[in-house]
Structures are given as C-alpha cells and as structure tokens.
Amino acid sequence: MPFPGEKRWLLLGVALAILASYFAPQFNRYYLGVAIDVGIAIILATSLNLINGHTGQFSLGHAGFMAVGGFFSAWLSLKAGVTADAFWFFPLALVAGGLLSAVVGLLVGVPSLRLRGDYLAIVTLGFGEIIRVVAQNTEAIGAASGLKGIPKLTTLGWTFGFAAVTIYAITALVNSTYGRGFIAVHDDEIAAESNGVDTTRTKVTAFVTGAFFAGIAGGLYAHHKQFLSPTGFDWLKSIDIVVMVILGGMGRTVGVIAAAILLTLMPELLRDFSEYRMILYALLIILLMLLRPAGLFSFNLKRRKHS
C-alpha cells in the first residue's frame, strides 16, 4: 500500500530543489559544495538502506557501484565534449551510469545473494575492491592517476531533485505489495520462502535497485568534484555509507537521511580541530551508538519495549 501523500512529498522535494537551484548562485561556494555533498550522501545512504535495512542483507560493496556510475557518466560527458550548459545531456549521462551499475549489480547479485550474513558481506567487499583495481588499470578512465577535466554539471537542483526521486522510489517500492517481500525476507527468510516469496529474486531486486541509485550518486559526485580517483572508492568509502545506515537505524528512512546529513556535516564542523578531527569524529560515533544503538529515530521501538 503506498504511503500517504507520497506524490505530494515528491513534488514538494522537486519544487524545493528547483527553488534552491534558482537561488544557488547567491550562496557561498563552500556551503554550496557541502550542501551538494549532503544530497549525494542522502542518495547513497537511502539506496543502501533498501539492501541492508529493509531486506536485511549486509552489503559492503556500495562504493563499487558508485564508482561504476561515476566513471561511466564522466567518461560519457568527456567523450561527448559537453559543456556546463548541456542541460539535457547531464540527466541522461547520470541514468546511463545508474543503468550500468544496475547491470553490474545484477551480475554480482545473482550468484552472491544465495549466500547469507558474513559470506555475503565478504563477497560484496571483494567486489568493491575488484572494481577499484580494474579502474586503476583501465587507461580509458585515466588508470591510477584518475579521470580529470570532468565538466562541472552537478547543481543543487539536480542533486536534491535526484535525492527526492530516490527517497520516493524506494519508499513507494518498500510499501508496495511486491515490496512487502523485502520486509518478509528481512524478518525470516525461511518463513518467507515457505509462504511463496521468491527470496533470491527479492534480494536481487533490492540489490539492483540499490546499485542503480548508487550509480546515480556516483555520476553526481563525478560532475561535482570534476576529478575521480580509484582510491576514493575503496572499502573505507563503503564503510562510511554503512555507518550512515546503522546510525540512522536499519530500515528507518528518516533516520538514515538524518545520519547522512550529520555524518557529512560533522567532518566540516570539526575542521577547526584538524589535528584531533578524526579522534573526535570516532568518539562522537561511539557515543551515538551507545546512546542510540537502534538508530537516531528509535523512539517508537523504545516506547514499545516499555509498554
């Protein structure tokens, strides 16, 4: 069953993105860059939440899908020789990067999603590293020195427009009749299978959908930073996204979005304490995990326990 007002929220999100894009030239460039980073983080965390949170699988290869989409959309832009005024080419390049990520997700997901728990985490971690090594040895995308000169096409409007579409698509999917299969697989895979749910197909669907949106985020990132290095998509990047999902609360979309915003802003807020920044960052995460182990928005769960 669709969640109430889903289309109104989507329209509101897109309208706000267009409005923000209109006023963006008046914003400070540093704050504008941070805001775009926040939007990309929301797409990554929300898409991984479909796999890890709603479906209960543990993927550690999300940075690999981001890299596939990022390198492919950037390569398309460079080959086409587009400039900053290529308004209609940009979304097509993003969707092309997302589709390639989805195809790679399908190729990885079909054999690996028959595994469970730690085994799946190890396979997806290995996949992410394979993507990084392949990128480091592919001359067409700059090999180890990275891809340079990518046109700056990412704007505040495109970023939060795609973030709104991602949240809408994943929330509507999870709340649909078919999407209930994700929850069933998450709660008890054996029971779901005995009730007619094709668990492998359900997990692959979640994996491919998550990979598609990670590819979109990769394209936005590439055209925002204007430079891509394979080392920027190592396992630590995947861990960053997993932490956003765990901290926000597995399967809790609002919490995951809040965690994505918080964990993107936190390193910027601690920039004045550069020597101790990583220590403070780690301590804050430990404190949050101790005080809110079920996620930032776990109030309902707590109330249910008390009752």
Protein backbone atom coordinates (compact mmCIF):
# COMPACT_ATOMS: atom_id res chain seq x y z
CA MET A 1 0.00 0.00 0.00
CA PRO A 2 1.52 3.39 -0.94
CA PHE A 3 2.43 5.62 1.98
CA PRO A 4 0.09 8.63 2.45
CA GLY A 5 0.87 11.68 0.35
CA GLU A 6 3.81 10.06 -1.43
CA LYS A 7 3.39 12.07 -4.64
CA ARG A 8 2.88 15.31 -2.75
CA TRP A 9 6.17 14.76 -0.91
CA LEU A 10 7.92 14.02 -4.22
CA LEU A 11 6.51 17.17 -5.84
CA LEU A 12 7.45 19.20 -2.76
CA GLY A 13 11.01 17.83 -2.86
CA VAL A 14 11.44 18.55 -6.58
CA ALA A 15 9.91 22.05 -6.16
CA LEU A 16 12.32 22.83 -3.30
CA ALA A 17 15.24 21.51 -5.39
CA ILE A 18 14.30 23.81 -8.30
CA LEU A 19 13.87 26.75 -5.91
CA ALA A 20 17.25 26.05 -4.27
CA SER A 21 18.89 25.77 -7.69
CA TYR A 22 17.44 29.17 -8.68
CA PHE A 23 18.96 30.89 -5.63
CA ALA A 24 22.18 28.81 -5.63
CA PRO A 25 24.36 31.41 -7.44
CA GLN A 26 23.86 33.74 -4.47
CA PHE A 27 25.14 31.15 -1.97
CA ASN A 28 28.69 30.91 -0.67
CA ARG A 29 30.55 28.38 -2.88
CA TYR A 30 31.89 26.45 0.12
CA TYR A 31 28.43 25.99 1.68
CA LEU A 32 27.03 25.14 -1.74
CA GLY A 33 29.63 22.37 -2.15
CA VAL A 34 28.84 20.98 1.30
CA ALA A 35 25.09 21.02 0.53
CA ILE A 36 25.70 19.03 -2.66
CA ASP A 37 27.84 16.54 -0.67
CA VAL A 38 24.90 16.15 1.74
CA GLY A 39 22.48 15.44 -1.14
CA ILE A 40 24.80 12.79 -2.63
CA ALA A 41 25.21 11.18 0.81
CA ILE A 42 21.40 11.01 1.19
CA ILE A 43 21.09 9.14 -2.13
CA LEU A 44 23.85 6.69 -1.15
CA ALA A 45 22.52 6.03 2.35
CA THR A 46 18.88 5.68 1.24
CA SER A 47 19.80 3.26 -1.55
CA LEU A 48 21.96 1.11 0.76
CA ASN A 49 19.15 1.17 3.34
CA LEU A 50 16.99 -0.75 0.86
CA ILE A 51 19.56 -3.58 0.80
CA ASN A 52 20.90 -3.57 4.37
CA GLY A 53 17.97 -2.08 6.24
CA HIS A 54 14.75 -3.19 4.57
CA THR A 55 15.91 -6.51 3.09
CA GLY A 56 18.33 -7.47 5.86
CA GLN A 57 21.33 -8.27 3.61
CA PHE A 58 24.77 -6.96 4.53
CA SER A 59 26.47 -5.38 1.54
CA LEU A 60 29.90 -3.79 1.81
CA GLY A 61 30.33 -3.00 -1.88
CA HIS A 62 28.22 0.13 -2.34
CA ALA A 63 31.26 2.28 -3.18
CA GLY A 64 31.92 -0.09 -6.10
CA PHE A 65 28.52 0.69 -7.65
CA MET A 66 29.12 4.38 -7.03
CA ALA A 67 32.45 4.10 -8.87
CA VAL A 68 30.89 2.31 -11.87
CA GLY A 69 28.22 5.00 -12.29
CA GLY A 70 30.65 7.84 -11.64
CA PHE A 71 33.33 6.75 -14.07
CA PHE A 72 30.86 5.80 -16.80
CA SER A 73 28.81 9.03 -16.71
CA ALA A 74 32.03 11.11 -16.54
CA TRP A 75 33.52 9.17 -19.46
CA LEU A 76 30.33 9.78 -21.49
CA SER A 77 30.47 13.52 -20.76
CA LEU A 78 34.13 13.74 -21.78
CA LYS A 79 33.59 11.70 -24.95
CA ALA A 80 30.58 13.82 -25.94
CA GLY A 81 32.57 17.00 -25.23
CA VAL A 82 29.70 18.55 -23.29
CA THR A 83 29.98 21.92 -21.55
CA ALA A 84 28.36 23.35 -18.45
CA ASP A 85 25.27 24.44 -20.42
CA ALA A 86 24.44 20.87 -21.53
CA PHE A 87 21.20 20.84 -19.59
CA TRP A 88 19.56 17.74 -21.08
CA PHE A 89 22.67 15.62 -21.57
CA PHE A 90 23.50 15.50 -17.87
CA PRO A 91 20.46 13.52 -16.59
CA LEU A 92 20.88 11.10 -19.50
CA ALA A 93 24.54 10.52 -18.54
CA LEU A 94 23.50 10.01 -14.90
CA VAL A 95 20.81 7.49 -15.80
CA ALA A 96 23.25 5.69 -18.15
CA GLY A 97 25.75 5.42 -15.25
CA GLY A 98 22.96 4.17 -12.98
CA LEU A 99 21.85 1.56 -15.51
CA LEU A 100 25.40 0.23 -15.93
CA SER A 101 25.70 -0.01 -12.13
CA ALA A 102 22.39 -1.88 -12.06
CA VAL A 103 23.65 -4.36 -14.69
CA VAL A 104 26.85 -4.90 -12.69
CA GLY A 105 24.67 -5.30 -9.57
CA LEU A 106 22.67 -7.98 -11.37
CA LEU A 107 25.84 -9.84 -12.41
CA VAL A 108 27.16 -9.73 -8.84
CA GLY A 109 23.83 -10.27 -7.13
CA VAL A 110 22.56 -13.40 -8.92
CA PRO A 111 25.40 -15.69 -7.77
CA SER A 112 26.26 -13.98 -4.46
CA LEU A 113 22.80 -13.37 -2.99
CA ARG A 114 22.31 -17.08 -2.42
CA LEU A 115 24.81 -16.54 0.40
CA ARG A 116 23.84 -15.12 3.77
CA GLY A 117 25.27 -12.95 6.53
CA ASP A 118 29.07 -12.70 6.75
CA TYR A 119 29.63 -14.59 3.49
CA LEU A 120 27.62 -12.03 1.51
CA ALA A 121 29.49 -9.17 3.23
CA ILE A 122 32.84 -10.72 2.22
CA VAL A 123 31.74 -11.25 -1.39
CA THR A 124 30.47 -7.67 -1.78
CA LEU A 125 33.63 -6.32 -0.11
CA GLY A 126 35.69 -8.28 -2.64
CA PHE A 127 33.55 -6.94 -5.48
CA GLY A 128 34.20 -3.36 -4.41
CA GLU A 129 37.95 -3.98 -4.38
CA ILE A 130 37.81 -5.64 -7.83
CA ILE A 131 36.10 -2.53 -9.25
CA ARG A 132 38.78 -0.31 -7.72
CA VAL A 133 41.64 -2.42 -9.12
CA VAL A 134 40.01 -2.59 -12.58
CA ALA A 135 39.64 1.22 -12.57
CA GLN A 136 43.30 1.59 -11.56
CA ASN A 137 44.36 -0.42 -14.61
CA THR A 138 41.99 0.97 -17.24
CA GLU A 139 43.66 3.62 -19.39
CA ALA A 140 40.37 4.85 -20.88
CA ILE A 141 39.38 6.30 -17.49
CA GLY A 142 42.82 7.58 -16.51
CA ALA A 143 44.09 4.42 -14.76
CA ALA A 144 45.84 5.10 -11.41
CA SER A 145 46.15 8.85 -12.00
CA GLY A 146 42.35 9.18 -12.24
CA LEU A 147 39.93 10.89 -14.59
CA LYS A 148 40.46 14.66 -14.90
CA GLY A 149 38.71 17.56 -16.59
CA ILE A 150 35.17 16.33 -15.93
CA PRO A 151 32.69 19.15 -16.73
CA LYS A 152 31.01 20.69 -13.70
CA LEU A 153 27.37 19.85 -14.33
CA THR A 154 26.15 18.93 -10.85
CA THR A 155 23.97 21.61 -9.30
CA LEU A 156 21.99 21.88 -6.08
CA GLY A 157 18.78 21.37 -8.07
CA TRP A 158 19.92 18.19 -9.82
CA THR A 159 21.33 16.73 -6.58
CA PHE A 160 18.28 17.26 -4.40
CA GLY A 161 15.93 16.52 -7.32
CA PHE A 162 17.51 13.07 -7.66
CA ALA A 163 17.58 12.70 -3.86
CA ALA A 164 13.80 13.33 -3.77
CA VAL A 165 13.23 10.80 -6.57
CA THR A 166 15.41 8.22 -4.77
CA ILE A 167 13.53 8.59 -1.48
CA TYR A 168 10.17 8.48 -3.25
CA ALA A 169 11.02 5.45 -5.44
CA ILE A 170 12.47 3.36 -2.61
CA THR A 171 9.75 4.24 -0.10
CA ALA A 172 6.99 3.54 -2.63
CA LEU A 173 8.67 0.25 -3.59
CA VAL A 174 9.00 -0.92 0.01
CA ASN A 175 5.37 -0.01 0.75
CA SER A 176 4.03 -1.74 -2.37
CA THR A 177 2.62 -5.27 -2.36
CA TYR A 178 5.77 -6.60 -4.04
CA GLY A 179 7.97 -4.61 -1.65
CA ARG A 180 6.50 -6.40 1.35
CA GLY A 181 8.69 -9.29 0.19
CA PHE A 182 11.72 -7.24 1.30
CA ILE A 183 10.33 -7.00 4.84
CA ALA A 184 9.43 -10.70 4.85
CA VAL A 185 12.96 -11.66 3.76
CA HIS A 186 14.39 -9.35 6.41
CA ASP A 187 12.25 -10.81 9.22
CA ASP A 188 12.60 -14.53 8.41
CA GLU A 189 13.95 -15.76 5.10
CA ILE A 190 12.86 -19.38 5.59
CA ALA A 191 9.33 -18.40 6.63
CA ALA A 192 9.10 -16.01 3.65
CA GLU A 193 10.16 -18.77 1.25
CA SER A 194 7.65 -21.21 2.74
CA ASN A 195 4.91 -18.60 2.11
CA GLY A 196 5.72 -18.34 -1.59
CA VAL A 197 8.15 -15.41 -1.62
CA ASP A 198 10.95 -15.93 -4.15
CA THR A 199 13.67 -14.83 -1.74
CA THR A 200 16.54 -14.85 -4.26
CA ARG A 201 14.58 -12.71 -6.76
CA THR A 202 13.51 -10.34 -3.98
CA LYS A 203 17.10 -9.89 -2.77
CA VAL A 204 18.40 -9.41 -6.32
CA THR A 205 15.70 -6.77 -6.97
CA ALA A 206 16.76 -4.84 -3.86
CA PHE A 207 20.43 -5.20 -4.80
CA VAL A 208 19.93 -4.00 -8.39
CA THR A 209 17.72 -1.07 -7.33
CA GLY A 210 20.25 0.00 -4.70
CA ALA A 211 23.08 -0.29 -7.25
CA PHE A 212 21.16 1.87 -9.75
CA PHE A 213 20.77 4.76 -7.32
CA ALA A 214 24.38 4.38 -6.12
CA GLY A 215 25.43 4.79 -9.77
CA ILE A 216 23.35 7.98 -10.00
CA ALA A 217 25.10 9.28 -6.86
CA GLY A 218 28.47 8.41 -8.42
CA GLY A 219 27.63 10.46 -11.53
CA LEU A 220 26.60 13.46 -9.42
CA TYR A 221 29.81 13.11 -7.41
CA ALA A 222 31.98 12.94 -10.56
CA HIS A 223 30.46 16.07 -12.08
CA HIS A 224 30.65 17.87 -8.72
CA LYS A 225 34.32 17.16 -7.87
CA GLN A 226 35.46 17.23 -11.55
CA PHE A 227 38.07 14.58 -10.75
CA LEU A 228 37.76 10.88 -9.99
CA SER A 229 40.44 8.72 -8.43
CA PRO A 230 40.01 4.94 -7.98
CA THR A 231 41.40 5.24 -4.44
CA GLY A 232 38.38 7.35 -3.49
CA PHE A 233 36.14 4.29 -3.87
CA ASP A 234 37.93 1.84 -1.58
CA TRP A 235 36.32 -0.20 1.21
CA LEU A 236 36.51 2.77 3.63
CA LYS A 237 34.01 4.65 1.45
CA SER A 238 31.64 1.67 1.67
CA ILE A 239 32.09 1.61 5.45
CA ASP A 240 31.15 5.31 5.62
CA ILE A 241 27.84 4.57 3.89
CA VAL A 242 27.18 1.51 6.09
CA VAL A 243 27.75 3.65 9.22
CA MET A 244 25.11 6.14 7.98
CA VAL A 245 22.58 3.30 7.66
CA ILE A 246 23.41 1.72 11.04
CA LEU A 247 23.49 5.05 12.87
CA GLY A 248 20.22 6.19 11.30
CA GLY A 249 18.51 2.91 12.16
CA MET A 250 18.30 -0.03 9.80
CA GLY A 251 15.15 0.30 7.68
CA ARG A 252 14.27 3.77 9.02
CA THR A 253 14.35 6.14 6.07
CA VAL A 254 14.06 9.38 8.07
CA GLY A 255 16.77 8.28 10.48
CA VAL A 256 19.10 7.25 7.65
CA ILE A 257 18.63 10.64 5.95
CA ALA A 258 19.37 12.41 9.26
CA ALA A 259 22.50 10.28 9.77
CA ALA A 260 23.68 11.03 6.20
CA ILE A 261 23.32 14.77 6.87
CA LEU A 262 25.01 14.53 10.29
CA LEU A 263 27.97 12.40 9.17
CA THR A 264 28.59 14.63 6.13
CA LEU A 265 28.48 17.84 8.15
CA MET A 266 30.44 16.53 11.13
CA PRO A 267 33.90 16.47 9.45
CA GLU A 268 33.25 20.00 8.16
CA LEU A 269 32.19 21.26 11.61
CA LEU A 270 35.33 19.72 13.14
CA ARG A 271 37.62 21.23 10.51
CA ASP A 272 38.96 23.81 13.02
CA PHE A 273 40.24 20.93 15.13
CA SER A 274 42.07 19.31 12.23
CA GLU A 275 44.65 17.57 14.43
CA TYR A 276 42.01 15.88 16.55
CA ARG A 277 39.22 15.77 14.00
CA MET A 278 39.27 12.03 13.32
CA ILE A 279 39.52 11.22 17.05
CA LEU A 280 36.55 13.47 17.86
CA TYR A 281 34.64 12.06 14.89
CA ALA A 282 35.19 8.49 16.10
CA LEU A 283 34.26 9.39 19.70
CA LEU A 284 31.03 11.05 18.59
CA ILE A 285 30.08 7.97 16.59
CA ILE A 286 30.83 5.71 19.58
CA LEU A 287 28.71 7.94 21.86
CA LEU A 288 25.83 7.97 19.40
CA MET A 289 25.97 4.19 19.10
CA LEU A 290 25.98 3.82 22.90
CA LEU A 291 23.13 6.27 23.46
CA ARG A 292 21.04 5.38 20.40
CA PRO A 293 22.03 1.79 19.48
CA ALA A 294 18.83 1.22 17.49
CA GLY A 295 19.29 4.38 15.46
CA LEU A 296 18.71 8.11 15.81
CA PHE A 297 14.94 7.75 15.38
CA SER A 298 14.26 4.73 17.60
CA PHE A 299 11.63 6.40 19.79
CA ASN A 300 8.79 4.10 18.70
CA LEU A 301 10.86 0.98 19.40
CA LYS A 302 11.75 2.25 22.88
CA ARG A 303 8.13 3.10 23.67
CA ARG A 304 7.01 -0.35 22.50
CA LYS A 305 9.58 -2.01 24.78
CA HIS A 306 8.36 -0.08 27.82
CA SER A 307 4.72 -0.94 27.11
